[in-house]
Amino acid sequence: MKKNLEDSLMLAAIRARIEIQAKGRKMEQGQNTTEYGIFIAGVVVVVLLVVGIFSNALQSLWNRVAALISGG
């Protein structure tokens, strides 16, 4: 009887550990998703800043290209 009780407790402890590890992996996946989202938001901000800084130069370039294409 005592052996069965010890075995049952051991199995319960193993199951609990497996569940805790599985929940930990799910939490890590959520953190990775959040980190990627923050990274992508940072990239978008940088791209918008660069386009804003160089907007006059880009507009001038497009105007010159359009003039060349139209034969002007």
PDB file of N, CA and C in Angstrom:
ATOM      1  N   MET A   1       0.813  -1.196   0.000  1.00  0.00           N
ATOM      2  CA  MET A   1       0.000   0.000   0.000  1.00  0.00           C
ATOM      3  C   MET A   1       0.856   1.258   0.000  1.00  0.00           C
ATOM      4  N   LYS A   2       1.908   1.240   0.829  1.00  0.00           N
ATOM      5  CA  LYS A   2       2.787   2.385   0.919  1.00  0.00           C
ATOM      6  C   LYS A   2       3.509   2.612  -0.412  1.00  0.00           C
ATOM      7  N   LYS A   3       3.897   1.559  -1.084  1.00  0.00           N
ATOM      8  CA  LYS A   3       4.584   1.656  -2.374  1.00  0.00           C
ATOM      9  C   LYS A   3       3.668   2.284  -3.423  1.00  0.00           C
ATOM     10  N   ASN A   4       2.406   1.899  -3.437  1.00  0.00           N
ATOM     11  CA  ASN A   4       1.445   2.466  -4.379  1.00  0.00           C
ATOM     12  C   ASN A   4       1.252   3.964  -4.138  1.00  0.00           C
ATOM     13  N   LEU A   5       1.217   4.350  -2.867  1.00  0.00           N
ATOM     14  CA  LEU A   5       1.053   5.756  -2.528  1.00  0.00           C
ATOM     15  C   LEU A   5       2.270   6.558  -2.994  1.00  0.00           C
ATOM     16  N   GLU A   6       3.464   6.004  -2.775  1.00  0.00           N
ATOM     17  CA  GLU A   6       4.676   6.678  -3.217  1.00  0.00           C
ATOM     18  C   GLU A   6       4.704   6.802  -4.740  1.00  0.00           C
ATOM     19  N   ASP A   7       4.307   5.739  -5.418  1.00  0.00           N
ATOM     20  CA  ASP A   7       4.262   5.774  -6.878  1.00  0.00           C
ATOM     21  C   ASP A   7       3.254   6.804  -7.376  1.00  0.00           C
ATOM     22  N   SER A   8       2.108   6.883  -6.731  1.00  0.00           N
ATOM     23  CA  SER A   8       1.083   7.855  -7.123  1.00  0.00           C
ATOM     24  C   SER A   8       1.576   9.281  -6.913  1.00  0.00           C
ATOM     25  N   LEU A   9       2.238   9.514  -5.791  1.00  0.00           N
ATOM     26  CA  LEU A   9       2.774  10.848  -5.526  1.00  0.00           C
ATOM     27  C   LEU A   9       3.863  11.212  -6.532  1.00  0.00           C
ATOM     28  N   MET A  10       4.707  10.245  -6.876  1.00  0.00           N
ATOM     29  CA  MET A  10       5.770  10.479  -7.854  1.00  0.00           C
ATOM     30  C   MET A  10       5.169  10.818  -9.213  1.00  0.00           C
ATOM     31  N   LEU A  11       4.140  10.080  -9.631  1.00  0.00           N
ATOM     32  CA  LEU A  11       3.485  10.357 -10.912  1.00  0.00           C
ATOM     33  C   LEU A  11       2.827  11.733 -10.903  1.00  0.00           C
ATOM     34  N   ALA A  12       2.203  12.087  -9.793  1.00  0.00           N
ATOM     35  CA  ALA A  12       1.567  13.401  -9.690  1.00  0.00           C
ATOM     36  C   ALA A  12       2.613  14.513  -9.786  1.00  0.00           C
ATOM     37  N   ALA A  13       3.759  14.314  -9.151  1.00  0.00           N
ATOM     38  CA  ALA A  13       4.827  15.312  -9.208  1.00  0.00           C
ATOM     39  C   ALA A  13       5.371  15.443 -10.633  1.00  0.00           C
ATOM     40  N   ILE A  14       5.524  14.321 -11.323  1.00  0.00           N
ATOM     41  CA  ILE A  14       6.019  14.345 -12.701  1.00  0.00           C
ATOM     42  C   ILE A  14       5.020  15.060 -13.607  1.00  0.00           C
ATOM     43  N   ARG A  15       3.750  14.759 -13.445  1.00  0.00           N
ATOM     44  CA  ARG A  15       2.717  15.418 -14.260  1.00  0.00           C
ATOM     45  C   ARG A  15       2.695  16.922 -14.005  1.00  0.00           C
ATOM     46  N   ALA A  16       2.817  17.307 -12.743  1.00  0.00           N
ATOM     47  CA  ALA A  16       2.819  18.734 -12.402  1.00  0.00           C
ATOM     48  C   ALA A  16       4.014  19.435 -13.039  1.00  0.00           C
ATOM     49  N   ARG A  17       5.157  18.778 -13.003  1.00  0.00           N
ATOM     50  CA  ARG A  17       6.359  19.368 -13.605  1.00  0.00           C
ATOM     51  C   ARG A  17       6.191  19.522 -15.110  1.00  0.00           C
ATOM     52  N   ILE A  18       5.629  18.537 -15.759  1.00  0.00           N
ATOM     53  CA  ILE A  18       5.403  18.600 -17.212  1.00  0.00           C
ATOM     54  C   ILE A  18       4.451  19.749 -17.549  1.00  0.00           C
ATOM     55  N   GLU A  19       3.382  19.905 -16.762  1.00  0.00           N
ATOM     56  CA  GLU A  19       2.426  20.992 -16.996  1.00  0.00           C
ATOM     57  C   GLU A  19       3.080  22.358 -16.802  1.00  0.00           C
ATOM     58  N   ILE A  20       3.894  22.482 -15.777  1.00  0.00           N
ATOM     59  CA  ILE A  20       4.576  23.755 -15.514  1.00  0.00           C
ATOM     60  C   ILE A  20       5.534  24.079 -16.663  1.00  0.00           C
ATOM     61  N   GLN A  21       6.266  23.081 -17.142  1.00  0.00           N
ATOM     62  CA  GLN A  21       7.182  23.309 -18.261  1.00  0.00           C
ATOM     63  C   GLN A  21       6.420  23.710 -19.518  1.00  0.00           C
ATOM     64  N   ALA A  22       5.288  23.084 -19.771  1.00  0.00           N
ATOM     65  CA  ALA A  22       4.487  23.410 -20.954  1.00  0.00           C
ATOM     66  C   ALA A  22       3.968  24.843 -20.863  1.00  0.00           C
ATOM     67  N   LYS A  23       3.502  25.255 -19.690  1.00  0.00           N
ATOM     68  CA  LYS A  23       3.032  26.631 -19.514  1.00  0.00           C
ATOM     69  C   LYS A  23       4.176  27.611 -19.688  1.00  0.00           C
ATOM     70  N   GLY A  24       5.352  27.260 -19.228  1.00  0.00           N
ATOM     71  CA  GLY A  24       6.523  28.124 -19.389  1.00  0.00           C
ATOM     72  C   GLY A  24       6.863  28.323 -20.852  1.00  0.00           C
ATOM     73  N   ARG A  25       6.772  27.266 -21.653  1.00  0.00           N
ATOM     74  CA  ARG A  25       7.048  27.384 -23.086  1.00  0.00           C
ATOM     75  C   ARG A  25       6.032  28.290 -23.763  1.00  0.00           C
ATOM     76  N   LYS A  26       4.765  28.181 -23.369  1.00  0.00           N
ATOM     77  CA  LYS A  26       3.728  29.044 -23.951  1.00  0.00           C
ATOM     78  C   LYS A  26       4.003  30.499 -23.609  1.00  0.00           C
ATOM     79  N   MET A  27       4.423  30.768 -22.380  1.00  0.00           N
ATOM     80  CA  MET A  27       4.722  32.142 -21.981  1.00  0.00           C
ATOM     81  C   MET A  27       5.905  32.682 -22.776  1.00  0.00           C
ATOM     82  N   GLU A  28       6.930  31.857 -23.020  1.00  0.00           N
ATOM     83  CA  GLU A  28       8.085  32.291 -23.798  1.00  0.00           C
ATOM     84  C   GLU A  28       7.676  32.616 -25.224  1.00  0.00           C
ATOM     85  N   GLN A  29       6.751  31.847 -25.801  1.00  0.00           N
ATOM     86  CA  GLN A  29       6.297  32.126 -27.153  1.00  0.00           C
ATOM     87  C   GLN A  29       5.588  33.465 -27.199  1.00  0.00           C
ATOM     88  N   GLY A  30       4.817  33.777 -26.198  1.00  0.00           N
ATOM     89  CA  GLY A  30       4.137  35.067 -26.134  1.00  0.00           C
ATOM     90  C   GLY A  30       5.125  36.213 -26.031  1.00  0.00           C
ATOM     91  N   GLN A  31       6.182  36.022 -25.284  1.00  0.00           N
ATOM     92  CA  GLN A  31       7.211  37.049 -25.167  1.00  0.00           C
ATOM     93  C   GLN A  31       7.898  37.256 -26.507  1.00  0.00           C
ATOM     94  N   ASN A  32       8.176  36.191 -27.225  1.00  0.00           N
ATOM     95  CA  ASN A  32       8.814  36.328 -28.523  1.00  0.00           C
ATOM     96  C   ASN A  32       7.935  37.116 -29.480  1.00  0.00           C
ATOM     97  N   THR A  33       6.642  36.853 -29.467  1.00  0.00           N
ATOM     98  CA  THR A  33       5.714  37.578 -30.328  1.00  0.00           C
ATOM     99  C   THR A  33       5.721  39.061 -29.983  1.00  0.00           C
ATOM    100  N   THR A  34       5.710  39.376 -28.709  1.00  0.00           N
ATOM    101  CA  THR A  34       5.742  40.768 -28.274  1.00  0.00           C
ATOM    102  C   THR A  34       7.042  41.431 -28.699  1.00  0.00           C
ATOM    103  N   GLU A  35       8.147  40.738 -28.546  1.00  0.00           N
ATOM    104  CA  GLU A  35       9.437  41.297 -28.939  1.00  0.00           C
ATOM    105  C   GLU A  35       9.479  41.570 -30.433  1.00  0.00           C
ATOM    106  N   TYR A  36       8.953  40.654 -31.243  1.00  0.00           N
ATOM    107  CA  TYR A  36       8.912  40.882 -32.687  1.00  0.00           C
ATOM    108  C   TYR A  36       8.038  42.080 -33.021  1.00  0.00           C
ATOM    109  N   GLY A  37       6.915  42.218 -32.350  1.00  0.00           N
ATOM    110  CA  GLY A  37       6.035  43.356 -32.589  1.00  0.00           C
ATOM    111  C   GLY A  37       6.717  44.674 -32.281  1.00  0.00           C
ATOM    112  N   ILE A  38       7.431  44.730 -31.167  1.00  0.00           N
ATOM    113  CA  ILE A  38       8.158  45.944 -30.797  1.00  0.00           C
ATOM    114  C   ILE A  38       9.254  46.229 -31.815  1.00  0.00           C
ATOM    115  N   PHE A  39       9.957  45.203 -32.258  1.00  0.00           N
ATOM    116  CA  PHE A  39      11.012  45.371 -33.253  1.00  0.00           C
ATOM    117  C   PHE A  39      10.448  45.922 -34.558  1.00  0.00           C
ATOM    118  N   ILE A  40       9.339  45.348 -35.027  1.00  0.00           N
ATOM    119  CA  ILE A  40       8.725  45.803 -36.277  1.00  0.00           C
ATOM    120  C   ILE A  40       8.252  47.248 -36.140  1.00  0.00           C
ATOM    121  N   ALA A  41       7.678  47.600 -34.997  1.00  0.00           N
ATOM    122  CA  ALA A  41       7.248  48.986 -34.773  1.00  0.00           C
ATOM    123  C   ALA A  41       8.446  49.929 -34.830  1.00  0.00           C
ATOM    124  N   GLY A  42       9.565  49.527 -34.279  1.00  0.00           N
ATOM    125  CA  GLY A  42      10.779  50.346 -34.340  1.00  0.00           C
ATOM    126  C   GLY A  42      11.267  50.528 -35.760  1.00  0.00           C
ATOM    127  N   VAL A  43      11.223  49.465 -36.542  1.00  0.00           N
ATOM    128  CA  VAL A  43      11.650  49.553 -37.941  1.00  0.00           C
ATOM    129  C   VAL A  43      10.741  50.515 -38.703  1.00  0.00           C
ATOM    130  N   VAL A  44       9.445  50.431 -38.467  1.00  0.00           N
ATOM    131  CA  VAL A  44       8.492  51.333 -39.141  1.00  0.00           C
ATOM    132  C   VAL A  44       8.798  52.786 -38.789  1.00  0.00           C
ATOM    133  N   VAL A  45       9.075  53.055 -37.522  1.00  0.00           N
ATOM    134  CA  VAL A  45       9.392  54.420 -37.103  1.00  0.00           C
ATOM    135  C   VAL A  45      10.650  54.914 -37.802  1.00  0.00           C
ATOM    136  N   VAL A  46      11.669  54.088 -37.882  1.00  0.00           N
ATOM    137  CA  VAL A  46      12.921  54.479 -38.542  1.00  0.00           C
ATOM    138  C   VAL A  46      12.680  54.755 -40.020  1.00  0.00           C
ATOM    139  N   VAL A  47      11.925  53.890 -40.692  1.00  0.00           N
ATOM    140  CA  VAL A  47      11.641  54.090 -42.119  1.00  0.00           C
ATOM    141  C   VAL A  47      10.885  55.400 -42.327  1.00  0.00           C
ATOM    142  N   LEU A  48       9.890  55.671 -41.492  1.00  0.00           N
ATOM    143  CA  LEU A  48       9.144  56.922 -41.621  1.00  0.00           C
ATOM    144  C   LEU A  48      10.034  58.138 -41.396  1.00  0.00           C
ATOM    145  N   LEU A  49      10.933  58.069 -40.432  1.00  0.00           N
ATOM    146  CA  LEU A  49      11.855  59.176 -40.192  1.00  0.00           C
ATOM    147  C   LEU A  49      12.778  59.397 -41.382  1.00  0.00           C
ATOM    148  N   VAL A  50      13.315  58.325 -41.940  1.00  0.00           N
ATOM    149  CA  VAL A  50      14.223  58.443 -43.084  1.00  0.00           C
ATOM    150  C   VAL A  50      13.495  59.029 -44.291  1.00  0.00           C
ATOM    151  N   VAL A  51      12.295  58.551 -44.559  1.00  0.00           N
ATOM    152  CA  VAL A  51      11.512  59.086 -45.676  1.00  0.00           C
ATOM    153  C   VAL A  51      11.198  60.556 -45.430  1.00  0.00           C
ATOM    154  N   GLY A  52      10.853  60.909 -44.199  1.00  0.00           N
ATOM    155  CA  GLY A  52      10.578  62.312 -43.878  1.00  0.00           C
ATOM    156  C   GLY A  52      11.795  63.196 -44.072  1.00  0.00           C
ATOM    157  N   ILE A  53      12.958  62.715 -43.667  1.00  0.00           N
ATOM    158  CA  ILE A  53      14.182  63.501 -43.795  1.00  0.00           C
ATOM    159  C   ILE A  53      14.561  63.684 -45.266  1.00  0.00           C
ATOM    160  N   PHE A  54      14.432  62.634 -46.045  1.00  0.00           N
ATOM    161  CA  PHE A  54      14.855  62.687 -47.441  1.00  0.00           C
ATOM    162  C   PHE A  54      13.707  62.942 -48.415  1.00  0.00           C
ATOM    163  N   SER A  55      12.557  63.408 -47.932  1.00  0.00           N
ATOM    164  CA  SER A  55      11.405  63.569 -48.813  1.00  0.00           C
ATOM    165  C   SER A  55      11.667  64.578 -49.928  1.00  0.00           C
ATOM    166  N   ASN A  56      12.323  65.685 -49.615  1.00  0.00           N
ATOM    167  CA  ASN A  56      12.617  66.680 -50.659  1.00  0.00           C
ATOM    168  C   ASN A  56      13.551  66.114 -51.723  1.00  0.00           C
ATOM    169  N   ALA A  57      14.561  65.385 -51.294  1.00  0.00           N
ATOM    170  CA  ALA A  57      15.492  64.792 -52.254  1.00  0.00           C
ATOM    171  C   ALA A  57      14.788  63.745 -53.111  1.00  0.00           C
ATOM    172  N   LEU A  58      13.924  62.949 -52.504  1.00  0.00           N
ATOM    173  CA  LEU A  58      13.191  61.939 -53.265  1.00  0.00           C
ATOM    174  C   LEU A  58      12.229  62.575 -54.257  1.00  0.00           C
ATOM    175  N   GLN A  59      11.560  63.640 -53.841  1.00  0.00           N
ATOM    176  CA  GLN A  59      10.637  64.326 -54.743  1.00  0.00           C
ATOM    177  C   GLN A  59      11.398  64.938 -55.914  1.00  0.00           C
ATOM    178  N   SER A  60      12.545  65.511 -55.654  1.00  0.00           N
ATOM    179  CA  SER A  60      13.368  66.082 -56.717  1.00  0.00           C
ATOM    180  C   SER A  60      13.828  64.996 -57.688  1.00  0.00           C
ATOM    181  N   LEU A  61      14.225  63.866 -57.150  1.00  0.00           N
ATOM    182  CA  LEU A  61      14.652  62.755 -58.010  1.00  0.00           C
ATOM    183  C   LEU A  61      13.515  62.284 -58.898  1.00  0.00           C
ATOM    184  N   TRP A  62      12.319  62.111 -58.320  1.00  0.00           N
ATOM    185  CA  TRP A  62      11.166  61.670 -59.114  1.00  0.00           C
ATOM    186  C   TRP A  62      10.824  62.685 -60.194  1.00  0.00           C
ATOM    187  N   ASN A  63      10.909  63.970 -59.867  1.00  0.00           N
ATOM    188  CA  ASN A  63      10.621  65.006 -60.857  1.00  0.00           C
ATOM    189  C   ASN A  63      11.625  64.953 -62.010  1.00  0.00           C
ATOM    190  N   ARG A  64      12.905  64.746 -61.711  1.00  0.00           N
ATOM    191  CA  ARG A  64      13.918  64.649 -62.773  1.00  0.00           C
ATOM    192  C   ARG A  64      13.682  63.414 -63.638  1.00  0.00           C
ATOM    193  N   VAL A  65      13.349  62.290 -63.015  1.00  0.00           N
ATOM    194  CA  VAL A  65      13.074  61.062 -63.759  1.00  0.00           C
ATOM    195  C   VAL A  65      11.852  61.270 -64.656  1.00  0.00           C
ATOM    196  N   ALA A  66      10.810  61.898 -64.111  1.00  0.00           N
ATOM    197  CA  ALA A  66       9.593  62.139 -64.903  1.00  0.00           C
ATOM    198  C   ALA A  66       9.894  63.061 -66.083  1.00  0.00           C
ATOM    199  N   ALA A  67      10.733  64.051 -65.859  1.00  0.00           N
ATOM    200  CA  ALA A  67      11.105  64.978 -66.945  1.00  0.00           C
ATOM    201  C   ALA A  67      11.889  64.238 -68.031  1.00  0.00           C
ATOM    202  N   LEU A  68      12.790  63.365 -67.627  1.00  0.00           N
ATOM    203  CA  LEU A  68      13.568  62.596 -68.613  1.00  0.00           C
ATOM    204  C   LEU A  68      12.685  61.652 -69.415  1.00  0.00           C
ATOM    205  N   ILE A  69      11.727  61.040 -68.755  1.00  0.00           N
ATOM    206  CA  ILE A  69      10.839  60.095 -69.440  1.00  0.00           C
ATOM    207  C   ILE A  69       9.942  60.829 -70.422  1.00  0.00           C
ATOM    208  N   SER A  70       9.466  62.008 -70.027  1.00  0.00           N
ATOM    209  CA  SER A  70       8.549  62.736 -70.902  1.00  0.00           C
ATOM    210  C   SER A  70       9.288  63.482 -72.014  1.00  0.00           C
ATOM    211  N   GLY A  71      10.613  63.409 -72.001  1.00  0.00           N
ATOM    212  CA  GLY A  71      11.403  64.034 -73.078  1.00  0.00           C
ATOM    213  C   GLY A  71      11.762  65.468 -72.774  1.00  0.00           C
ATOM    214  N   GLY A  72      11.596  65.895 -71.559  1.00  0.00           N
ATOM    215  CA  GLY A  72      11.852  67.290 -71.202  1.00  0.00           C
ATOM    216  C   GLY A  72      13.203  67.452 -70.685  1.00  0.00           C
TER     217      GLY A  72
END
